[in-house]
Amino acid sequence: MHPASWVGWVLAVMVAALATTNPFYLAVILLAVVLVAVLAPREGPGVISFRALAVFGVVMFALSLGIAAINGSYGDHILFTIPGPEVPRWLGGLRLGGPVSAEGLAGAAIRGLAILCILFAYGVFNGAVSPHRVLRSTPAALFQASLVVTVGLTLLPSSVEDLRRVREMRALRGAPGGWRELPALVVPAIVGGLERSLRLAEAMEARGYGASPPLALAPRLAAAASAPLLIAAAWLWFYETGWRPLAALLAFAAAALLWWWWRAASRARAVSRFDREPLPAAERAGLLVAAASALGLLALRLTGRGALTYNPFAGLPLPGFEPLPALLAAALAWPAVLLIARPAPARGAAERDSRLAAEPAP
């Protein structure tokens, strides 16, 4: 699949996961992401990085539940009580221990599900798309940002690969294992990943990837002014319902300023590509589906429809479930349809490509 398709899918999953607090819809989004993760192509470091992110997401989910239990929670359904010290009230409601309610654990689980969906989607993207393809497909206006993203995408796979290599070398030398030896594994892996990313950044800088003429002052000021306009528009829309027309006007002005900066930044840098990777029509349709799904869930959240919001502290009621939001959440699995329909490469061609990739350059 084209890198733009994967980027659009990840952004749609992120918007959908943050637009709802209903555990049923979050579960549908997570199942869609897992289905795409099973069918997405991953080779070498991509498999290892996806596993690392998956483990990290599960750990974050468990950590959110643990923090909710340690801090205690309010609610009518008390499950158990954790002994803890008395905390003064002037500390702003901080609690250490105390009664743990089912409402508090449900709220922590909902937050953990949203984080899990985003981390799984990013893991699929990191394993299925090469950073160099992302750099080639980036528009000229975002070229500088794409350099940073490319270096960042190479950090996790290289660190995981270094961790596996250090672990194998320590095992061959008869070094003891266990949690006490974890710093001896993690520190060399992180240092090696950082050094590899820095070497990549230096090589790209030496080849002129970061050289670009400075942008004019007016477009830079327009881009800087768009951020406070968007913040003011969001504040007026959510907290001052009588000023929503002004909020819409400010959001339109911010979008116009961003479009002006985008046009000026695209013209300031001339980019030549020897081989343009086309975006197939099926993937364009998939991007439209992803945009419709994310915008549809966001519109339902802003209008208060579709039972997208769920408050477990209101007596722990059963979350609502409606067909339209569920279909919009399930539509995020559209890459799985393309991956199933895509013909598998021939065995001889795959072996030839892997053999040519393994041969050293002259």
Protein backbone atom coordinates (compact mmCIF):
# COMPACT_ATOMS: atom_id res chain seq x y z
CA MET A 1 0.00 0.00 0.00
CA HIS A 2 0.99 3.60 -0.57
CA PRO A 3 2.48 5.45 2.44
CA ALA A 4 -0.23 8.10 2.16
CA SER A 5 -2.86 5.39 2.66
CA TRP A 6 -1.18 4.20 5.84
CA VAL A 7 -0.80 7.75 7.15
CA GLY A 8 -4.46 8.50 6.49
CA TRP A 9 -5.49 5.28 8.20
CA VAL A 10 -3.40 6.02 11.31
CA LEU A 11 -4.80 9.56 11.57
CA ALA A 12 -8.36 8.24 11.19
CA VAL A 13 -7.80 5.68 13.95
CA MET A 14 -6.35 8.36 16.21
CA VAL A 15 -9.31 10.71 15.66
CA ALA A 16 -11.83 7.91 16.13
CA ALA A 17 -10.19 6.62 19.32
CA LEU A 18 -10.08 10.09 20.86
CA ALA A 19 -13.61 11.00 19.74
CA THR A 20 -15.39 8.38 21.85
CA THR A 21 -15.34 7.18 25.43
CA ASN A 22 -17.77 4.34 24.82
CA PRO A 23 -16.00 1.02 25.51
CA PHE A 24 -18.10 -0.82 22.93
CA TYR A 25 -17.01 1.47 20.09
CA LEU A 26 -13.42 1.43 21.34
CA ALA A 27 -13.52 -2.36 21.26
CA VAL A 28 -14.75 -2.26 17.64
CA ILE A 29 -11.91 0.12 16.72
CA LEU A 30 -9.38 -2.14 18.46
CA LEU A 31 -10.68 -5.21 16.65
CA ALA A 32 -10.43 -3.36 13.32
CA VAL A 33 -6.83 -2.36 14.07
CA VAL A 34 -5.93 -5.92 15.12
CA LEU A 35 -7.43 -7.28 11.89
CA VAL A 36 -5.30 -4.90 9.84
CA ALA A 37 -2.25 -5.77 11.97
CA VAL A 38 -2.70 -9.49 11.23
CA LEU A 39 -2.83 -8.90 7.46
CA ALA A 40 -0.31 -6.06 7.17
CA PRO A 41 3.07 -6.95 5.65
CA ARG A 42 5.98 -6.89 8.10
CA GLU A 43 9.50 -8.11 7.63
CA GLY A 44 12.61 -8.12 9.80
CA PRO A 45 12.74 -5.18 12.20
CA GLY A 46 9.11 -4.33 11.44
CA VAL A 47 7.90 -7.49 13.18
CA ILE A 48 10.06 -6.80 16.21
CA SER A 49 8.99 -3.16 16.46
CA PHE A 50 5.31 -4.09 16.25
CA ARG A 51 5.73 -6.63 19.02
CA ALA A 52 7.55 -4.07 21.15
CA LEU A 53 4.80 -1.50 20.66
CA ALA A 54 2.12 -4.12 21.32
CA VAL A 55 3.80 -5.11 24.58
CA PHE A 56 4.22 -1.45 25.49
CA GLY A 57 0.53 -0.80 24.84
CA VAL A 58 -0.54 -3.73 27.03
CA VAL A 59 1.81 -2.53 29.78
CA MET A 60 0.35 0.99 29.56
CA PHE A 61 -3.16 -0.47 29.79
CA ALA A 62 -2.23 -2.45 32.90
CA LEU A 63 -0.40 0.57 34.31
CA SER A 64 -3.48 2.77 33.96
CA LEU A 65 -5.50 0.22 35.92
CA GLY A 66 -2.77 0.01 38.56
CA ILE A 67 -2.60 3.79 38.96
CA ALA A 68 -6.37 3.97 39.28
CA ALA A 69 -6.23 1.32 42.01
CA ILE A 70 -3.35 2.97 43.90
CA ASN A 71 -4.89 6.43 43.82
CA GLY A 72 -8.27 5.16 44.85
CA SER A 73 -11.48 6.30 43.23
CA TYR A 74 -14.96 7.51 43.94
CA GLY A 75 -18.15 5.66 43.17
CA ASP A 76 -21.02 3.67 44.54
CA HIS A 77 -19.69 0.19 43.69
CA ILE A 78 -16.70 -0.29 46.01
CA LEU A 79 -14.69 -3.40 45.15
CA PHE A 80 -11.92 -3.28 47.76
CA THR A 81 -9.94 -0.84 49.87
CA ILE A 82 -6.20 -0.16 49.73
CA PRO A 83 -4.65 1.20 52.92
CA GLY A 84 -2.79 4.45 52.47
CA PRO A 85 -1.70 7.61 54.29
CA GLU A 86 -3.96 10.54 54.90
CA VAL A 87 -3.39 13.31 52.35
CA PRO A 88 -4.34 16.90 53.24
CA ARG A 89 -7.20 18.44 51.32
CA TRP A 90 -5.13 21.45 50.26
CA LEU A 91 -3.15 19.18 47.90
CA GLY A 92 -5.99 19.33 45.40
CA GLY A 93 -7.75 16.02 45.93
CA LEU A 94 -4.67 13.79 45.62
CA ARG A 95 -5.29 10.36 47.08
CA LEU A 96 -2.96 7.49 47.92
CA GLY A 97 -4.92 4.35 48.58
CA GLY A 98 -8.49 4.26 49.76
CA PRO A 99 -11.58 2.61 48.36
CA VAL A 100 -11.34 1.38 44.77
CA SER A 101 -14.60 1.45 42.88
CA ALA A 102 -15.73 -0.28 39.74
CA GLU A 103 -16.43 3.15 38.22
CA GLY A 104 -12.79 4.20 38.64
CA LEU A 105 -11.45 1.01 37.09
CA ALA A 106 -13.92 1.33 34.21
CA GLY A 107 -12.76 4.89 33.51
CA ALA A 108 -9.11 3.81 33.57
CA ALA A 109 -9.87 0.90 31.25
CA ILE A 110 -11.58 3.23 28.77
CA ARG A 111 -8.53 5.52 28.70
CA GLY A 112 -6.26 2.49 28.31
CA LEU A 113 -8.31 1.17 25.38
CA ALA A 114 -7.92 4.48 23.51
CA ILE A 115 -4.16 4.44 24.08
CA LEU A 116 -4.00 0.79 23.01
CA CYS A 117 -5.80 1.54 19.71
CA ILE A 118 -3.39 4.37 18.87
CA LEU A 119 -0.25 2.39 19.77
CA PHE A 120 -1.37 -0.66 17.77
CA ALA A 121 -2.13 1.51 14.74
CA TYR A 122 1.27 3.20 14.99
CA GLY A 123 2.92 -0.22 15.34
CA VAL A 124 1.25 -1.40 12.11
CA PHE A 125 2.37 1.75 10.31
CA ASN A 126 5.93 1.47 11.64
CA GLY A 127 6.20 -2.15 10.50
CA ALA A 128 4.47 -1.88 7.12
CA VAL A 129 5.97 1.34 5.72
CA SER A 130 9.62 2.08 5.15
CA PRO A 131 10.73 5.50 6.46
CA HIS A 132 12.40 6.20 3.12
CA ARG A 133 9.08 5.71 1.31
CA VAL A 134 7.46 8.15 3.73
CA LEU A 135 10.20 10.69 2.96
CA ARG A 136 9.77 10.28 -0.80
CA SER A 137 5.99 10.71 -0.58
CA THR A 138 6.03 13.76 1.69
CA PRO A 139 4.87 17.08 0.17
CA ALA A 140 7.44 19.80 -0.24
CA ALA A 141 5.84 21.97 2.45
CA LEU A 142 6.44 19.27 5.10
CA PHE A 143 9.89 18.21 3.98
CA GLN A 144 11.72 19.47 7.09
CA ALA A 145 9.20 17.79 9.38
CA SER A 146 9.46 14.59 7.36
CA LEU A 147 13.21 14.47 8.04
CA VAL A 148 12.54 14.48 11.78
CA VAL A 149 9.82 11.83 11.40
CA THR A 150 12.12 9.64 9.28
CA VAL A 151 14.85 9.74 11.91
CA GLY A 152 12.29 9.05 14.63
CA LEU A 153 10.80 6.07 12.80
CA THR A 154 14.20 4.43 12.57
CA LEU A 155 14.86 4.77 16.30
CA LEU A 156 12.49 2.08 17.60
CA PRO A 157 13.37 -0.72 15.13
CA SER A 158 17.08 -0.11 15.50
CA SER A 159 16.83 -0.04 19.30
CA VAL A 160 14.86 -3.29 19.38
CA GLU A 161 17.33 -4.93 17.00
CA ASP A 162 20.24 -3.79 19.17
CA LEU A 163 18.46 -5.13 22.26
CA ARG A 164 18.07 -8.54 20.64
CA ARG A 165 21.71 -8.54 19.52
CA VAL A 166 23.02 -7.55 22.97
CA ARG A 167 20.87 -10.20 24.59
CA GLU A 168 22.18 -12.92 22.28
CA MET A 169 25.81 -11.89 22.86
CA ARG A 170 25.33 -11.88 26.63
CA ALA A 171 23.70 -15.30 26.47
CA LEU A 172 26.61 -16.71 24.43
CA ARG A 173 29.05 -15.37 27.02
CA GLY A 174 27.13 -17.00 29.85
CA ALA A 175 25.92 -13.79 31.46
CA PRO A 176 23.12 -14.26 34.02
CA GLY A 177 19.61 -13.17 33.16
CA GLY A 178 16.78 -11.67 35.16
CA TRP A 179 15.44 -8.25 36.02
CA ARG A 180 18.72 -7.18 37.64
CA GLU A 181 20.48 -7.39 34.29
CA LEU A 182 17.88 -5.23 32.54
CA PRO A 183 20.00 -2.00 32.61
CA ALA A 184 22.88 -3.88 30.95
CA LEU A 185 20.52 -4.72 28.10
CA VAL A 186 18.51 -1.52 27.74
CA VAL A 187 21.29 1.08 27.98
CA PRO A 188 23.45 -0.29 25.09
CA ALA A 189 20.34 -0.79 22.95
CA ILE A 190 19.14 2.78 23.42
CA VAL A 191 22.62 4.21 22.87
CA GLY A 192 23.05 2.14 19.71
CA GLY A 193 19.65 3.21 18.37
CA LEU A 194 20.42 6.87 19.01
CA GLU A 195 23.82 6.58 17.34
CA ARG A 196 22.28 4.92 14.28
CA SER A 197 19.59 7.59 14.01
CA LEU A 198 22.21 10.33 14.35
CA ARG A 199 24.30 8.73 11.61
CA LEU A 200 21.26 8.68 9.36
CA ALA A 201 20.55 12.34 10.11
CA GLU A 202 24.17 13.30 9.40
CA ALA A 203 24.18 11.35 6.14
CA MET A 204 20.96 13.03 5.01
CA GLU A 205 22.31 16.44 5.98
CA ALA A 206 25.56 15.77 4.07
CA ARG A 207 23.57 14.90 0.95
CA GLY A 208 21.65 18.15 1.08
CA TYR A 209 18.32 16.85 2.32
CA GLY A 210 18.00 19.66 4.85
CA ALA A 211 19.13 22.47 2.54
CA SER A 212 16.25 24.76 1.61
CA PRO A 213 15.83 28.52 1.14
CA PRO A 214 14.37 30.36 4.11
CA LEU A 215 10.66 31.03 3.98
CA ALA A 216 9.42 34.61 3.84
CA LEU A 217 8.38 36.35 7.04
CA ALA A 218 4.70 36.77 6.17
CA PRO A 219 3.92 33.04 5.68
CA ARG A 220 5.80 32.18 8.88
CA LEU A 221 3.77 34.72 10.82
CA ALA A 222 0.59 33.33 9.26
CA ALA A 223 1.48 29.80 10.37
CA ALA A 224 2.30 31.05 13.88
CA ALA A 225 -0.98 32.98 14.11
CA SER A 226 -3.07 29.95 13.10
CA ALA A 227 -2.33 28.13 16.37
CA PRO A 228 -3.84 30.72 18.77
CA LEU A 229 -6.79 31.14 16.41
CA LEU A 230 -7.49 27.41 16.53
CA ILE A 231 -7.16 27.37 20.33
CA ALA A 232 -9.55 30.31 20.65
CA ALA A 233 -12.00 28.65 18.26
CA ALA A 234 -11.95 25.41 20.26
CA TRP A 235 -12.40 27.29 23.55
CA LEU A 236 -15.38 29.28 22.27
CA TRP A 237 -16.98 26.20 20.67
CA PHE A 238 -16.80 23.95 23.72
CA TYR A 239 -17.09 26.41 26.62
CA GLU A 240 -19.04 29.36 25.23
CA THR A 241 -21.98 27.97 23.28
CA GLY A 242 -23.33 31.42 22.47
CA TRP A 243 -20.12 32.31 20.60
CA ARG A 244 -20.06 29.34 18.25
CA PRO A 245 -20.51 31.43 15.07
CA LEU A 246 -17.39 33.40 16.06
CA ALA A 247 -15.59 30.11 16.77
CA ALA A 248 -16.44 28.84 13.29
CA LEU A 249 -15.17 32.13 11.80
CA LEU A 250 -11.89 31.87 13.72
CA ALA A 251 -11.42 28.26 12.62
CA PHE A 252 -12.01 29.29 8.99
CA ALA A 253 -9.45 32.09 9.34
CA ALA A 254 -6.90 29.66 10.83
CA ALA A 255 -7.47 27.23 7.97
CA ALA A 256 -6.98 30.05 5.44
CA LEU A 257 -3.70 31.09 7.08
CA LEU A 258 -2.47 27.47 7.07
CA TRP A 259 -3.37 27.14 3.39
CA TRP A 260 -1.40 30.31 2.62
CA TRP A 261 1.63 28.96 4.51
CA TRP A 262 1.32 25.58 2.75
CA ARG A 263 1.29 27.21 -0.68
CA ALA A 264 4.24 29.46 0.10
CA ALA A 265 6.28 26.62 1.62
CA SER A 266 5.56 24.37 -1.35
CA ARG A 267 6.75 27.03 -3.79
CA ALA A 268 9.86 27.86 -1.76
CA ARG A 269 11.35 24.38 -2.19
CA ALA A 270 11.72 22.70 -5.57
CA VAL A 271 11.52 18.91 -5.27
CA SER A 272 12.34 16.58 -8.13
CA ARG A 273 11.40 12.90 -8.07
CA PHE A 274 12.80 10.35 -10.47
CA ASP A 275 10.07 7.82 -9.78
CA ARG A 276 6.66 8.92 -8.57
CA GLU A 277 4.71 6.25 -6.72
CA PRO A 278 1.08 6.53 -7.88
CA LEU A 279 -1.83 6.23 -5.48
CA PRO A 280 -4.21 3.53 -6.76
CA ALA A 281 -7.90 4.24 -7.12
CA ALA A 282 -8.82 1.59 -4.53
CA GLU A 283 -6.61 3.26 -1.94
CA ARG A 284 -8.07 6.67 -2.78
CA ALA A 285 -11.48 5.20 -2.05
CA GLY A 286 -10.09 3.80 1.20
CA LEU A 287 -8.81 7.23 2.21
CA LEU A 288 -12.28 8.65 1.57
CA VAL A 289 -13.76 5.92 3.76
CA ALA A 290 -11.24 6.69 6.52
CA ALA A 291 -11.96 10.43 6.34
CA ALA A 292 -15.73 9.82 6.36
CA SER A 293 -15.42 7.49 9.34
CA ALA A 294 -13.27 9.87 11.40
CA LEU A 295 -15.28 12.98 10.53
CA GLY A 296 -18.56 11.13 11.09
CA LEU A 297 -17.55 10.02 14.58
CA LEU A 298 -16.25 13.51 15.36
CA ALA A 299 -19.53 15.08 14.16
CA LEU A 300 -21.56 12.65 16.27
CA ARG A 301 -19.41 13.53 19.29
CA LEU A 302 -19.83 17.29 18.78
CA THR A 303 -23.59 16.99 18.32
CA GLY A 304 -24.02 14.62 21.28
CA ARG A 305 -25.53 11.80 19.25
CA GLY A 306 -24.68 8.14 18.79
CA ALA A 307 -23.95 7.44 22.47
CA LEU A 308 -20.26 8.19 21.92
CA THR A 309 -19.78 9.59 25.41
CA TYR A 310 -19.97 7.32 28.43
CA ASN A 311 -19.62 8.34 32.07
CA PRO A 312 -19.06 5.35 34.36
CA PHE A 313 -19.37 7.54 37.47
CA ALA A 314 -23.09 8.07 36.81
CA GLY A 315 -23.99 4.82 38.57
CA LEU A 316 -22.07 2.54 36.18
CA PRO A 317 -24.84 2.24 33.57
CA LEU A 318 -24.65 -0.02 30.55
CA PRO A 319 -23.03 1.86 27.61
CA GLY A 320 -25.24 2.61 24.68
CA PHE A 321 -24.72 1.02 21.28
CA GLU A 322 -26.10 2.24 17.97
CA PRO A 323 -25.55 0.82 14.45
CA LEU A 324 -24.24 3.98 12.75
CA PRO A 325 -21.27 4.67 15.07
CA ALA A 326 -20.46 0.96 15.12
CA LEU A 327 -20.37 0.87 11.31
CA LEU A 328 -18.18 3.99 11.21
CA ALA A 329 -15.78 2.36 13.68
CA ALA A 330 -15.76 -0.93 11.76
CA ALA A 331 -15.03 0.95 8.52
CA LEU A 332 -11.53 1.62 9.84
CA ALA A 333 -10.68 -1.95 8.83
CA TRP A 334 -10.71 -0.97 5.14
CA PRO A 335 -6.96 -1.74 4.67
CA ALA A 336 -7.75 -5.37 5.49
CA VAL A 337 -10.06 -5.54 2.47
CA LEU A 338 -7.34 -4.23 0.17
CA LEU A 339 -4.72 -6.53 1.69
CA ILE A 340 -6.95 -9.58 1.21
CA ALA A 341 -7.84 -8.61 -2.36
CA ARG A 342 -4.22 -7.88 -3.28
CA PRO A 343 -2.65 -10.80 -5.16
CA ALA A 344 0.26 -12.45 -3.41
CA PRO A 345 3.64 -12.09 -5.15
CA ALA A 346 5.02 -15.05 -7.01
CA ARG A 347 7.38 -17.28 -5.08
CA GLY A 348 10.20 -16.96 -7.57
CA ALA A 349 9.91 -13.18 -7.72
CA ALA A 350 9.88 -12.91 -3.93
CA GLU A 351 12.98 -15.11 -3.63
CA ARG A 352 14.76 -13.10 -6.33
CA ASP A 353 13.95 -9.79 -4.63
CA SER A 354 15.15 -11.05 -1.26
CA ARG A 355 18.36 -12.39 -2.82
CA LEU A 356 19.05 -9.11 -4.59
CA ALA A 357 18.38 -7.18 -1.38
CA ALA A 358 20.82 -9.39 0.53
CA GLU A 359 23.64 -8.92 -1.98
CA PRO A 360 26.10 -6.16 -1.02
CA ALA A 361 26.33 -3.09 -3.18
CA PRO A 362 29.43 -2.86 -5.39
